[in-house]
Amino acid sequence: MDLSELAIKVARISDIYAAEHGIDRSGDWAILKLQEELGELTAEHLRISGRARGEPSEQALGGEAADVLGMLLIYCDRAGI
């Protein structure tokens, strides 16, 4: 699978999720959501590196990194990149 195919699949999943949960994805939603996901990745990174409370999890770190990538693809699509 190439990046374009991945971006299409991520967009479809995002569309389904937004429809099921009534999420308004207008305006600056994509960049704000990307920032939120990056914050979650940062928090997990801090747990793994021993600089934050909570149970560290490599699996959670991977999941958060995947969320950041997905939101970056969505942002780029919406921004025409």
PDB file of N, CA and C in Angstrom:
ATOM      1  N   MET A   1       0.851  -1.174   0.000  1.00  0.00           N
ATOM      2  CA  MET A   1       0.000   0.000   0.000  1.00  0.00           C
ATOM      3  C   MET A   1       0.898   1.239   0.000  1.00  0.00           C
ATOM      4  N   ASP A   2       0.579   2.190  -0.853  1.00  0.00           N
ATOM      5  CA  ASP A   2       1.350   3.428  -0.859  1.00  0.00           C
ATOM      6  C   ASP A   2       0.645   4.492  -0.011  1.00  0.00           C
ATOM      7  N   LEU A   3       1.284   5.640   0.122  1.00  0.00           N
ATOM      8  CA  LEU A   3       0.762   6.694   0.987  1.00  0.00           C
ATOM      9  C   LEU A   3      -0.597   7.207   0.533  1.00  0.00           C
ATOM     10  N   SER A   4      -0.813   7.294  -0.775  1.00  0.00           N
ATOM     11  CA  SER A   4      -2.111   7.751  -1.288  1.00  0.00           C
ATOM     12  C   SER A   4      -3.227   6.794  -0.905  1.00  0.00           C
ATOM     13  N   GLU A   5      -2.960   5.506  -1.017  1.00  0.00           N
ATOM     14  CA  GLU A   5      -3.965   4.509  -0.633  1.00  0.00           C
ATOM     15  C   GLU A   5      -4.248   4.570   0.864  1.00  0.00           C
ATOM     16  N   LEU A   6      -3.186   4.740   1.649  1.00  0.00           N
ATOM     17  CA  LEU A   6      -3.365   4.862   3.092  1.00  0.00           C
ATOM     18  C   LEU A   6      -4.204   6.086   3.426  1.00  0.00           C
ATOM     19  N   ALA A   7      -3.932   7.202   2.780  1.00  0.00           N
ATOM     20  CA  ALA A   7      -4.676   8.436   3.031  1.00  0.00           C
ATOM     21  C   ALA A   7      -6.161   8.248   2.731  1.00  0.00           C
ATOM     22  N   ILE A   8      -6.484   7.543   1.661  1.00  0.00           N
ATOM     23  CA  ILE A   8      -7.884   7.285   1.303  1.00  0.00           C
ATOM     24  C   ILE A   8      -8.554   6.434   2.371  1.00  0.00           C
ATOM     25  N   LYS A   9      -7.868   5.403   2.835  1.00  0.00           N
ATOM     26  CA  LYS A   9      -8.445   4.532   3.877  1.00  0.00           C
ATOM     27  C   LYS A   9      -8.643   5.288   5.186  1.00  0.00           C
ATOM     28  N   VAL A  10      -7.676   6.101   5.553  1.00  0.00           N
ATOM     29  CA  VAL A  10      -7.795   6.891   6.780  1.00  0.00           C
ATOM     30  C   VAL A  10      -8.966   7.862   6.674  1.00  0.00           C
ATOM     31  N   ALA A  11      -9.120   8.505   5.527  1.00  0.00           N
ATOM     32  CA  ALA A  11     -10.229   9.443   5.326  1.00  0.00           C
ATOM     33  C   ALA A  11     -11.575   8.737   5.446  1.00  0.00           C
ATOM     34  N   ARG A  12     -11.681   7.545   4.899  1.00  0.00           N
ATOM     35  CA  ARG A  12     -12.941   6.785   5.005  1.00  0.00           C
ATOM     36  C   ARG A  12     -13.265   6.468   6.458  1.00  0.00           C
ATOM     37  N   ILE A  13     -12.265   6.019   7.204  1.00  0.00           N
ATOM     38  CA  ILE A  13     -12.484   5.704   8.622  1.00  0.00           C
ATOM     39  C   ILE A  13     -12.900   6.963   9.377  1.00  0.00           C
ATOM     40  N   SER A  14     -12.245   8.081   9.092  1.00  0.00           N
ATOM     41  CA  SER A  14     -12.580   9.340   9.742  1.00  0.00           C
ATOM     42  C   SER A  14     -14.009   9.771   9.410  1.00  0.00           C
ATOM     43  N   ASP A  15     -14.413   9.596   8.159  1.00  0.00           N
ATOM     44  CA  ASP A  15     -15.780   9.933   7.749  1.00  0.00           C
ATOM     45  C   ASP A  15     -16.808   9.109   8.519  1.00  0.00           C
ATOM     46  N   ILE A  16     -16.554   7.823   8.642  1.00  0.00           N
ATOM     47  CA  ILE A  16     -17.473   6.935   9.365  1.00  0.00           C
ATOM     48  C   ILE A  16     -17.548   7.344  10.830  1.00  0.00           C
ATOM     49  N   TYR A  17     -16.395   7.561  11.449  1.00  0.00           N
ATOM     50  CA  TYR A  17     -16.348   7.939  12.860  1.00  0.00           C
ATOM     51  C   TYR A  17     -17.093   9.254  13.102  1.00  0.00           C
ATOM     52  N   ALA A  18     -16.852  10.243  12.242  1.00  0.00           N
ATOM     53  CA  ALA A  18     -17.502  11.543  12.400  1.00  0.00           C
ATOM     54  C   ALA A  18     -19.016  11.422  12.255  1.00  0.00           C
ATOM     55  N   ALA A  19     -19.470  10.628  11.301  1.00  0.00           N
ATOM     56  CA  ALA A  19     -20.909  10.444  11.092  1.00  0.00           C
ATOM     57  C   ALA A  19     -21.552   9.745  12.287  1.00  0.00           C
ATOM     58  N   GLU A  20     -20.900   8.724  12.794  1.00  0.00           N
ATOM     59  CA  GLU A  20     -21.458   7.965  13.927  1.00  0.00           C
ATOM     60  C   GLU A  20     -21.523   8.781  15.210  1.00  0.00           C
ATOM     61  N   HIS A  21     -20.593   9.732  15.367  1.00  0.00           N
ATOM     62  CA  HIS A  21     -20.508  10.482  16.616  1.00  0.00           C
ATOM     63  C   HIS A  21     -20.922  11.946  16.470  1.00  0.00           C
ATOM     64  N   GLY A  22     -21.427  12.324  15.304  1.00  0.00           N
ATOM     65  CA  GLY A  22     -21.911  13.688  15.092  1.00  0.00           C
ATOM     66  C   GLY A  22     -20.833  14.752  15.241  1.00  0.00           C
ATOM     67  N   ILE A  23     -19.654  14.485  14.733  1.00  0.00           N
ATOM     68  CA  ILE A  23     -18.536  15.416  14.873  1.00  0.00           C
ATOM     69  C   ILE A  23     -18.521  16.400  13.703  1.00  0.00           C
ATOM     70  N   ASP A  24     -18.490  17.684  14.035  1.00  0.00           N
ATOM     71  CA  ASP A  24     -18.390  18.747  13.031  1.00  0.00           C
ATOM     72  C   ASP A  24     -16.918  18.920  12.674  1.00  0.00           C
ATOM     73  N   ARG A  25     -16.558  18.605  11.450  1.00  0.00           N
ATOM     74  CA  ARG A  25     -15.154  18.670  11.036  1.00  0.00           C
ATOM     75  C   ARG A  25     -14.896  19.857  10.118  1.00  0.00           C
ATOM     76  N   SER A  26     -15.583  20.945  10.365  1.00  0.00           N
ATOM     77  CA  SER A  26     -15.405  22.127   9.523  1.00  0.00           C
ATOM     78  C   SER A  26     -14.224  22.965  10.006  1.00  0.00           C
ATOM     79  N   GLY A  27     -13.847  23.916   9.173  1.00  0.00           N
ATOM     80  CA  GLY A  27     -12.833  24.901   9.538  1.00  0.00           C
ATOM     81  C   GLY A  27     -11.496  24.305   9.918  1.00  0.00           C
ATOM     82  N   ASP A  28     -11.052  24.634  11.121  1.00  0.00           N
ATOM     83  CA  ASP A  28      -9.725  24.244  11.570  1.00  0.00           C
ATOM     84  C   ASP A  28      -9.704  22.924  12.340  1.00  0.00           C
ATOM     85  N   TRP A  29     -10.750  22.121  12.192  1.00  0.00           N
ATOM     86  CA  TRP A  29     -10.844  20.853  12.921  1.00  0.00           C
ATOM     87  C   TRP A  29      -9.608  19.993  12.728  1.00  0.00           C
ATOM     88  N   ALA A  30      -9.133  19.836  11.507  1.00  0.00           N
ATOM     89  CA  ALA A  30      -8.040  18.898  11.240  1.00  0.00           C
ATOM     90  C   ALA A  30      -6.752  19.298  11.953  1.00  0.00           C
ATOM     91  N   ILE A  31      -6.406  20.571  11.931  1.00  0.00           N
ATOM     92  CA  ILE A  31      -5.168  20.991  12.589  1.00  0.00           C
ATOM     93  C   ILE A  31      -5.298  20.903  14.106  1.00  0.00           C
ATOM     94  N   LEU A  32      -6.475  21.212  14.624  1.00  0.00           N
ATOM     95  CA  LEU A  32      -6.678  21.103  16.070  1.00  0.00           C
ATOM     96  C   LEU A  32      -6.638  19.643  16.521  1.00  0.00           C
ATOM     97  N   LYS A  33      -7.234  18.768  15.746  1.00  0.00           N
ATOM     98  CA  LYS A  33      -7.213  17.342  16.072  1.00  0.00           C
ATOM     99  C   LYS A  33      -5.792  16.789  15.967  1.00  0.00           C
ATOM    100  N   LEU A  34      -5.040  17.239  14.964  1.00  0.00           N
ATOM    101  CA  LEU A  34      -3.642  16.820  14.845  1.00  0.00           C
ATOM    102  C   LEU A  34      -2.861  17.232  16.092  1.00  0.00           C
ATOM    103  N   GLN A  35      -3.082  18.442  16.554  1.00  0.00           N
ATOM    104  CA  GLN A  35      -2.404  18.910  17.766  1.00  0.00           C
ATOM    105  C   GLN A  35      -2.793  18.067  18.974  1.00  0.00           C
ATOM    106  N   GLU A  36      -4.072  17.723  19.081  1.00  0.00           N
ATOM    107  CA  GLU A  36      -4.529  16.873  20.181  1.00  0.00           C
ATOM    108  C   GLU A  36      -3.817  15.522  20.149  1.00  0.00           C
ATOM    109  N   GLU A  37      -3.760  14.922  18.979  1.00  0.00           N
ATOM    110  CA  GLU A  37      -3.115  13.616  18.856  1.00  0.00           C
ATOM    111  C   GLU A  37      -1.626  13.695  19.150  1.00  0.00           C
ATOM    112  N   LEU A  38      -0.970  14.778  18.734  1.00  0.00           N
ATOM    113  CA  LEU A  38       0.445  14.955  19.033  1.00  0.00           C
ATOM    114  C   LEU A  38       0.664  15.088  20.541  1.00  0.00           C
ATOM    115  N   GLY A  39      -0.255  15.746  21.221  1.00  0.00           N
ATOM    116  CA  GLY A  39      -0.183  15.849  22.679  1.00  0.00           C
ATOM    117  C   GLY A  39      -0.280  14.485  23.335  1.00  0.00           C
ATOM    118  N   GLU A  40      -1.151  13.627  22.819  1.00  0.00           N
ATOM    119  CA  GLU A  40      -1.284  12.277  23.371  1.00  0.00           C
ATOM    120  C   GLU A  40      -0.025  11.452  23.118  1.00  0.00           C
ATOM    121  N   LEU A  41       0.581  11.612  21.943  1.00  0.00           N
ATOM    122  CA  LEU A  41       1.839  10.924  21.650  1.00  0.00           C
ATOM    123  C   LEU A  41       2.941  11.428  22.581  1.00  0.00           C
ATOM    124  N   THR A  42       2.989  12.718  22.792  1.00  0.00           N
ATOM    125  CA  THR A  42       3.987  13.301  23.685  1.00  0.00           C
ATOM    126  C   THR A  42       3.824  12.769  25.106  1.00  0.00           C
ATOM    127  N   ALA A  43       2.599  12.693  25.584  1.00  0.00           N
ATOM    128  CA  ALA A  43       2.344  12.180  26.929  1.00  0.00           C
ATOM    129  C   ALA A  43       2.827  10.738  27.061  1.00  0.00           C
ATOM    130  N   GLU A  44       2.565   9.933  26.061  1.00  0.00           N
ATOM    131  CA  GLU A  44       3.007   8.531  26.107  1.00  0.00           C
ATOM    132  C   GLU A  44       4.532   8.451  26.052  1.00  0.00           C
ATOM    133  N   HIS A  45       5.140   9.287  25.233  1.00  0.00           N
ATOM    134  CA  HIS A  45       6.603   9.341  25.165  1.00  0.00           C
ATOM    135  C   HIS A  45       7.185   9.682  26.541  1.00  0.00           C
ATOM    136  N   LEU A  46       6.588  10.643  27.211  1.00  0.00           N
ATOM    137  CA  LEU A  46       7.061  11.033  28.537  1.00  0.00           C
ATOM    138  C   LEU A  46       6.914   9.901  29.547  1.00  0.00           C
ATOM    139  N   ARG A  47       5.825   9.143  29.468  1.00  0.00           N
ATOM    140  CA  ARG A  47       5.652   7.990  30.371  1.00  0.00           C
ATOM    141  C   ARG A  47       6.747   6.955  30.126  1.00  0.00           C
ATOM    142  N   ILE A  48       7.002   6.655  28.863  1.00  0.00           N
ATOM    143  CA  ILE A  48       8.002   5.643  28.520  1.00  0.00           C
ATOM    144  C   ILE A  48       9.406   6.090  28.939  1.00  0.00           C
ATOM    145  N   SER A  49       9.678   7.378  28.846  1.00  0.00           N
ATOM    146  CA  SER A  49      11.001   7.874  29.208  1.00  0.00           C
ATOM    147  C   SER A  49      11.125   8.181  30.701  1.00  0.00           C
ATOM    148  N   GLY A  50      10.073   7.856  31.472  1.00  0.00           N
ATOM    149  CA  GLY A  50      10.127   8.030  32.919  1.00  0.00           C
ATOM    150  C   GLY A  50       9.950   9.450  33.394  1.00  0.00           C
ATOM    151  N   ARG A  51       9.410  10.319  32.546  1.00  0.00           N
ATOM    152  CA  ARG A  51       9.246  11.719  32.930  1.00  0.00           C
ATOM    153  C   ARG A  51       7.794  12.116  33.128  1.00  0.00           C
ATOM    154  N   ALA A  52       6.918  11.123  33.262  1.00  0.00           N
ATOM    155  CA  ALA A  52       5.504  11.400  33.547  1.00  0.00           C
ATOM    156  C   ALA A  52       4.925  10.222  34.317  1.00  0.00           C
ATOM    157  N   ARG A  53       3.867  10.493  35.026  1.00  0.00           N
ATOM    158  CA  ARG A  53       3.196   9.446  35.793  1.00  0.00           C
ATOM    159  C   ARG A  53       2.444   8.517  34.865  1.00  0.00           C
ATOM    160  N   GLY A  54       2.126   7.363  35.376  1.00  0.00           N
ATOM    161  CA  GLY A  54       1.330   6.404  34.626  1.00  0.00           C
ATOM    162  C   GLY A  54       2.166   5.235  34.153  1.00  0.00           C
ATOM    163  N   GLU A  55       1.476   4.220  33.731  1.00  0.00           N
ATOM    164  CA  GLU A  55       2.115   2.995  33.270  1.00  0.00           C
ATOM    165  C   GLU A  55       2.575   3.155  31.825  1.00  0.00           C
ATOM    166  N   PRO A  56       3.881   3.029  31.565  1.00  0.00           N
ATOM    167  CA  PRO A  56       4.355   3.144  30.185  1.00  0.00           C
ATOM    168  C   PRO A  56       3.908   1.958  29.340  1.00  0.00           C
ATOM    169  N   SER A  57       3.667   2.210  28.066  1.00  0.00           N
ATOM    170  CA  SER A  57       3.201   1.153  27.169  1.00  0.00           C
ATOM    171  C   SER A  57       3.718   1.399  25.759  1.00  0.00           C
ATOM    172  N   GLU A  58       4.556   0.481  25.294  1.00  0.00           N
ATOM    173  CA  GLU A  58       5.041   0.572  23.910  1.00  0.00           C
ATOM    174  C   GLU A  58       3.881   0.446  22.924  1.00  0.00           C
ATOM    175  N   GLN A  59       2.896  -0.383  23.261  1.00  0.00           N
ATOM    176  CA  GLN A  59       1.733  -0.551  22.387  1.00  0.00           C
ATOM    177  C   GLN A  59       0.951   0.761  22.291  1.00  0.00           C
ATOM    178  N   ALA A  60       0.765   1.425  23.407  1.00  0.00           N
ATOM    179  CA  ALA A  60       0.061   2.716  23.395  1.00  0.00           C
ATOM    180  C   ALA A  60       0.849   3.746  22.599  1.00  0.00           C
ATOM    181  N   LEU A  61       2.179   3.732  22.724  1.00  0.00           N
ATOM    182  CA  LEU A  61       3.013   4.653  21.962  1.00  0.00           C
ATOM    183  C   LEU A  61       2.802   4.444  20.459  1.00  0.00           C
ATOM    184  N   GLY A  62       2.781   3.193  20.033  1.00  0.00           N
ATOM    185  CA  GLY A  62       2.541   2.897  18.620  1.00  0.00           C
ATOM    186  C   GLY A  62       1.174   3.355  18.163  1.00  0.00           C
ATOM    187  N   GLY A  63       0.184   3.156  19.006  1.00  0.00           N
ATOM    188  CA  GLY A  63      -1.169   3.596  18.665  1.00  0.00           C
ATOM    189  C   GLY A  63      -1.259   5.102  18.530  1.00  0.00           C
ATOM    190  N   GLU A  64      -0.613   5.808  19.431  1.00  0.00           N
ATOM    191  CA  GLU A  64      -0.639   7.276  19.367  1.00  0.00           C
ATOM    192  C   GLU A  64       0.123   7.780  18.137  1.00  0.00           C
ATOM    193  N   ALA A  65       1.247   7.127  17.810  1.00  0.00           N
ATOM    194  CA  ALA A  65       1.985   7.518  16.608  1.00  0.00           C
ATOM    195  C   ALA A  65       1.125   7.301  15.363  1.00  0.00           C
ATOM    196  N   ALA A  66       0.377   6.202  15.333  1.00  0.00           N
ATOM    197  CA  ALA A  66      -0.517   5.927  14.202  1.00  0.00           C
ATOM    198  C   ALA A  66      -1.611   6.991  14.116  1.00  0.00           C
ATOM    199  N   ASP A  67      -2.131   7.419  15.259  1.00  0.00           N
ATOM    200  CA  ASP A  67      -3.148   8.471  15.263  1.00  0.00           C
ATOM    201  C   ASP A  67      -2.592   9.777  14.693  1.00  0.00           C
ATOM    202  N   VAL A  68      -1.358  10.125  15.067  1.00  0.00           N
ATOM    203  CA  VAL A  68      -0.737  11.339  14.542  1.00  0.00           C
ATOM    204  C   VAL A  68      -0.581  11.234  13.023  1.00  0.00           C
ATOM    205  N   LEU A  69      -0.096  10.094  12.552  1.00  0.00           N
ATOM    206  CA  LEU A  69       0.069   9.908  11.112  1.00  0.00           C
ATOM    207  C   LEU A  69      -1.276  10.032  10.392  1.00  0.00           C
ATOM    208  N   GLY A  70      -2.299   9.400  10.932  1.00  0.00           N
ATOM    209  CA  GLY A  70      -3.626   9.471  10.320  1.00  0.00           C
ATOM    210  C   GLY A  70      -4.138  10.893  10.245  1.00  0.00           C
ATOM    211  N   MET A  71      -4.001  11.627  11.335  1.00  0.00           N
ATOM    212  CA  MET A  71      -4.477  13.008  11.333  1.00  0.00           C
ATOM    213  C   MET A  71      -3.622  13.893  10.434  1.00  0.00           C
ATOM    214  N   LEU A  72      -2.339  13.608  10.335  1.00  0.00           N
ATOM    215  CA  LEU A  72      -1.497  14.372   9.418  1.00  0.00           C
ATOM    216  C   LEU A  72      -1.943  14.144   7.975  1.00  0.00           C
ATOM    217  N   LEU A  73      -2.279  12.910   7.634  1.00  0.00           N
ATOM    218  CA  LEU A  73      -2.779  12.621   6.288  1.00  0.00           C
ATOM    219  C   LEU A  73      -4.095  13.362   6.014  1.00  0.00           C
ATOM    220  N   ILE A  74      -4.976  13.374   7.000  1.00  0.00           N
ATOM    221  CA  ILE A  74      -6.250  14.082   6.849  1.00  0.00           C
ATOM    222  C   ILE A  74      -6.005  15.589   6.704  1.00  0.00           C
ATOM    223  N   TYR A  75      -5.133  16.115   7.540  1.00  0.00           N
ATOM    224  CA  TYR A  75      -4.820  17.549   7.447  1.00  0.00           C
ATOM    225  C   TYR A  75      -4.267  17.894   6.067  1.00  0.00           C
ATOM    226  N   CYS A  76      -3.312  17.118   5.610  1.00  0.00           N
ATOM    227  CA  CYS A  76      -2.698  17.380   4.303  1.00  0.00           C
ATOM    228  C   CYS A  76      -3.732  17.325   3.177  1.00  0.00           C
ATOM    229  N   ASP A  77      -4.624  16.362   3.248  1.00  0.00           N
ATOM    230  CA  ASP A  77      -5.672  16.263   2.222  1.00  0.00           C
ATOM    231  C   ASP A  77      -6.541  17.515   2.236  1.00  0.00           C
ATOM    232  N   ARG A  78      -6.969  17.934   3.408  1.00  0.00           N
ATOM    233  CA  ARG A  78      -7.834  19.113   3.512  1.00  0.00           C
ATOM    234  C   ARG A  78      -7.119  20.392   3.109  1.00  0.00           C
ATOM    235  N   ALA A  79      -5.798  20.422   3.310  1.00  0.00           N
ATOM    236  CA  ALA A  79      -5.006  21.617   2.973  1.00  0.00           C
ATOM    237  C   ALA A  79      -4.513  21.604   1.536  1.00  0.00           C
ATOM    238  N   GLY A  80      -4.824  20.528   0.814  1.00  0.00           N
ATOM    239  CA  GLY A  80      -4.411  20.430  -0.576  1.00  0.00           C
ATOM    240  C   GLY A  80      -2.928  20.116  -0.762  1.00  0.00           C
ATOM    241  N   ILE A  81      -2.357  19.505   0.232  1.00  0.00           N
ATOM    242  CA  ILE A  81      -0.928  19.170   0.192  1.00  0.00           C
ATOM    243  C   ILE A  81      -0.765  17.766  -0.375  1.00  0.00           C
TER     244      ILE A  81
END
